[in-house]
Amino acid sequence: MRRNLPIILGAIVVFAAVSSVILRFMPEPIEDTDYLIAGSAGTLVALLVLFLALISTRMKASDVFVKKRRKQK
């Protein structure tokens, strides 16, 4: 858990940054659905960053997604 803490904190910062940028450029008046859109887009980008960071740093094996099976006789 302690090794993944910087990656998780980075994803939280990315979420906050993306959501605040979207809300800043959204035209006034801001409604409830605008907050929903900003939070959804922030979540999507933060999860993408988290996934790519974990794959590139913690899971360096070549068979992360597909594992080869032994051939049966």
N, C-alpha and C. Protein backbone atom coordinates (compact mmCIF):
# COMPACT_ATOMS: atom_id res chain seq x y z
N MET A 1 0.82 -1.19 0.00
CA MET A 1 0.00 0.00 0.00
C MET A 1 0.86 1.25 0.00
N ARG A 2 1.93 1.22 0.76
CA ARG A 2 2.79 2.40 0.87
C ARG A 2 3.49 2.70 -0.46
N ARG A 3 3.75 1.67 -1.27
CA ARG A 3 4.40 1.89 -2.56
C ARG A 3 3.44 2.52 -3.56
N ASN A 4 2.15 2.25 -3.43
CA ASN A 4 1.17 2.77 -4.37
C ASN A 4 0.62 4.14 -3.97
N LEU A 5 0.99 4.63 -2.81
CA LEU A 5 0.44 5.89 -2.32
C LEU A 5 0.73 7.08 -3.24
N PRO A 6 1.94 7.26 -3.77
CA PRO A 6 2.16 8.39 -4.69
C PRO A 6 1.32 8.30 -5.96
N ILE A 7 1.10 7.11 -6.45
CA ILE A 7 0.29 6.94 -7.65
C ILE A 7 -1.16 7.29 -7.36
N ILE A 8 -1.65 6.86 -6.21
CA ILE A 8 -3.04 7.15 -5.84
C ILE A 8 -3.23 8.65 -5.61
N LEU A 9 -2.28 9.28 -4.93
CA LEU A 9 -2.36 10.72 -4.71
C LEU A 9 -2.28 11.48 -6.03
N GLY A 10 -1.49 10.99 -6.96
CA GLY A 10 -1.42 11.61 -8.28
C GLY A 10 -2.74 11.53 -9.01
N ALA A 11 -3.43 10.40 -8.89
CA ALA A 11 -4.74 10.25 -9.53
C ALA A 11 -5.76 11.20 -8.91
N ILE A 12 -5.68 11.40 -7.60
CA ILE A 12 -6.60 12.34 -6.94
C ILE A 12 -6.33 13.77 -7.40
N VAL A 13 -5.06 14.12 -7.53
CA VAL A 13 -4.71 15.46 -8.01
C VAL A 13 -5.18 15.65 -9.46
N VAL A 14 -5.03 14.63 -10.28
CA VAL A 14 -5.49 14.71 -11.67
C VAL A 14 -7.00 14.88 -11.71
N PHE A 15 -7.73 14.16 -10.87
CA PHE A 15 -9.19 14.32 -10.81
C PHE A 15 -9.58 15.74 -10.45
N ALA A 16 -8.95 16.28 -9.43
CA ALA A 16 -9.28 17.65 -9.00
C ALA A 16 -8.93 18.66 -10.08
N ALA A 17 -7.81 18.47 -10.74
CA ALA A 17 -7.40 19.42 -11.78
C ALA A 17 -8.33 19.39 -12.98
N VAL A 18 -8.66 18.19 -13.45
CA VAL A 18 -9.54 18.07 -14.62
C VAL A 18 -10.93 18.61 -14.30
N SER A 19 -11.45 18.27 -13.15
CA SER A 19 -12.79 18.74 -12.78
C SER A 19 -12.83 20.26 -12.65
N SER A 20 -11.81 20.84 -12.04
CA SER A 20 -11.81 22.30 -11.87
C SER A 20 -11.62 23.03 -13.19
N VAL A 21 -10.82 22.48 -14.09
CA VAL A 21 -10.64 23.11 -15.40
C VAL A 21 -11.94 23.06 -16.19
N ILE A 22 -12.63 21.94 -16.15
CA ILE A 22 -13.90 21.83 -16.87
C ILE A 22 -14.92 22.81 -16.29
N LEU A 23 -15.00 22.92 -14.98
CA LEU A 23 -15.95 23.85 -14.37
C LEU A 23 -15.59 25.31 -14.63
N ARG A 24 -14.31 25.60 -14.75
CA ARG A 24 -13.89 26.98 -15.01
C ARG A 24 -14.33 27.43 -16.40
N PHE A 25 -14.26 26.54 -17.39
CA PHE A 25 -14.59 26.91 -18.76
C PHE A 25 -16.05 26.67 -19.11
N MET A 26 -16.83 26.18 -18.18
CA MET A 26 -18.25 25.96 -18.43
C MET A 26 -19.01 27.28 -18.33
N PRO A 27 -19.92 27.52 -19.25
CA PRO A 27 -20.64 28.81 -19.21
C PRO A 27 -21.59 28.89 -18.02
N GLU A 28 -21.77 30.12 -17.55
CA GLU A 28 -22.69 30.37 -16.43
C GLU A 28 -24.12 30.32 -16.92
N PRO A 29 -25.10 30.05 -16.17
CA PRO A 29 -25.10 29.55 -14.80
C PRO A 29 -24.81 28.05 -14.77
N ILE A 30 -24.07 27.64 -13.78
CA ILE A 30 -23.71 26.22 -13.65
C ILE A 30 -24.83 25.51 -12.92
N GLU A 31 -25.31 24.42 -13.51
CA GLU A 31 -26.40 23.63 -12.93
C GLU A 31 -25.86 22.33 -12.35
N ASP A 32 -26.75 21.54 -11.77
CA ASP A 32 -26.34 20.26 -11.17
C ASP A 32 -25.76 19.30 -12.19
N THR A 33 -26.31 19.27 -13.38
CA THR A 33 -25.82 18.36 -14.41
C THR A 33 -24.42 18.75 -14.87
N ASP A 34 -24.07 20.02 -14.78
CA ASP A 34 -22.72 20.45 -15.15
C ASP A 34 -21.69 19.88 -14.18
N TYR A 35 -22.04 19.85 -12.90
CA TYR A 35 -21.15 19.23 -11.91
C TYR A 35 -21.02 17.72 -12.16
N LEU A 36 -22.12 17.10 -12.58
CA LEU A 36 -22.10 15.67 -12.90
C LEU A 36 -21.17 15.40 -14.07
N ILE A 37 -21.23 16.22 -15.09
CA ILE A 37 -20.37 16.05 -16.27
C ILE A 37 -18.91 16.26 -15.90
N ALA A 38 -18.62 17.30 -15.12
CA ALA A 38 -17.24 17.59 -14.72
C ALA A 38 -16.68 16.46 -13.85
N GLY A 39 -17.48 15.94 -12.93
CA GLY A 39 -17.02 14.84 -12.08
C GLY A 39 -16.83 13.55 -12.85
N SER A 40 -17.70 13.30 -13.81
CA SER A 40 -17.57 12.09 -14.63
C SER A 40 -16.33 12.14 -15.50
N ALA A 41 -16.09 13.28 -16.13
CA ALA A 41 -14.89 13.41 -16.97
C ALA A 41 -13.63 13.34 -16.11
N GLY A 42 -13.64 13.95 -14.93
CA GLY A 42 -12.50 13.88 -14.03
C GLY A 42 -12.22 12.46 -13.57
N THR A 43 -13.29 11.72 -13.28
CA THR A 43 -13.14 10.33 -12.87
C THR A 43 -12.57 9.48 -13.99
N LEU A 44 -13.05 9.69 -15.20
CA LEU A 44 -12.55 8.93 -16.35
C LEU A 44 -11.06 9.16 -16.56
N VAL A 45 -10.64 10.40 -16.54
CA VAL A 45 -9.22 10.71 -16.76
C VAL A 45 -8.37 10.21 -15.59
N ALA A 46 -8.86 10.36 -14.37
CA ALA A 46 -8.09 9.91 -13.20
C ALA A 46 -7.91 8.39 -13.20
N LEU A 47 -8.96 7.66 -13.56
CA LEU A 47 -8.83 6.20 -13.62
C LEU A 47 -7.92 5.76 -14.75
N LEU A 48 -7.94 6.47 -15.86
CA LEU A 48 -7.03 6.16 -16.96
C LEU A 48 -5.58 6.40 -16.54
N VAL A 49 -5.33 7.50 -15.86
CA VAL A 49 -3.98 7.79 -15.36
C VAL A 49 -3.55 6.75 -14.34
N LEU A 50 -4.45 6.36 -13.45
CA LEU A 50 -4.13 5.35 -12.44
C LEU A 50 -3.81 4.01 -13.09
N PHE A 51 -4.61 3.61 -14.07
CA PHE A 51 -4.38 2.35 -14.77
C PHE A 51 -3.04 2.36 -15.49
N LEU A 52 -2.76 3.41 -16.23
CA LEU A 52 -1.50 3.48 -16.98
C LEU A 52 -0.30 3.55 -16.05
N ALA A 53 -0.44 4.25 -14.93
CA ALA A 53 0.67 4.34 -13.98
C ALA A 53 0.95 3.00 -13.33
N LEU A 54 -0.09 2.28 -12.96
CA LEU A 54 0.12 0.97 -12.33
C LEU A 54 0.68 -0.04 -13.31
N ILE A 55 0.21 -0.02 -14.54
CA ILE A 55 0.73 -0.95 -15.54
C ILE A 55 2.19 -0.65 -15.86
N SER A 56 2.54 0.62 -15.97
CA SER A 56 3.91 0.96 -16.37
C SER A 56 4.92 0.85 -15.23
N THR A 57 4.48 0.92 -13.98
CA THR A 57 5.46 0.90 -12.89
C THR A 57 5.45 -0.40 -12.09
N ARG A 58 4.31 -0.92 -11.75
CA ARG A 58 4.24 -2.07 -10.85
C ARG A 58 4.18 -3.41 -11.57
N MET A 59 3.60 -3.43 -12.73
CA MET A 59 3.42 -4.69 -13.45
C MET A 59 4.27 -4.70 -14.70
N LYS A 60 5.55 -4.96 -14.53
CA LYS A 60 6.48 -4.90 -15.65
C LYS A 60 6.55 -6.20 -16.44
N ALA A 61 5.82 -7.20 -16.06
CA ALA A 61 5.88 -8.48 -16.76
C ALA A 61 5.31 -8.33 -18.17
N SER A 62 5.75 -9.18 -19.05
CA SER A 62 5.29 -9.08 -20.43
C SER A 62 3.91 -9.71 -20.63
N ASP A 63 3.45 -10.47 -19.65
CA ASP A 63 2.15 -11.14 -19.79
C ASP A 63 1.14 -10.58 -18.79
N VAL A 64 0.99 -9.27 -18.75
CA VAL A 64 0.07 -8.65 -17.81
C VAL A 64 -1.37 -8.99 -18.17
N PHE A 65 -1.70 -8.94 -19.44
CA PHE A 65 -3.08 -9.14 -19.86
C PHE A 65 -3.37 -10.56 -20.32
N VAL A 66 -2.41 -11.21 -20.95
CA VAL A 66 -2.63 -12.55 -21.49
C VAL A 66 -1.52 -13.47 -21.00
N LYS A 67 -1.91 -14.57 -20.41
CA LYS A 67 -0.93 -15.54 -19.96
C LYS A 67 -1.00 -16.76 -20.88
N LYS A 68 0.16 -17.20 -21.32
CA LYS A 68 0.22 -18.34 -22.23
C LYS A 68 0.04 -19.63 -21.44
N ARG A 69 -0.74 -20.51 -22.02
CA ARG A 69 -0.94 -21.83 -21.42
C ARG A 69 0.03 -22.82 -21.99
N ARG A 70 0.29 -23.84 -21.21
CA ARG A 70 1.11 -24.94 -21.73
C ARG A 70 0.26 -25.78 -22.65
N LYS A 71 0.87 -26.28 -23.69
CA LYS A 71 0.14 -27.13 -24.61
C LYS A 71 -0.09 -28.48 -23.97
N GLN A 72 -1.35 -28.94 -24.06
CA GLN A 72 -1.69 -30.24 -23.50
C GLN A 72 -1.46 -31.32 -24.53
N LYS A 73 -1.01 -32.46 -24.07
CA LYS A 73 -0.71 -33.58 -24.97
C LYS A 73 -1.92 -34.43 -25.21
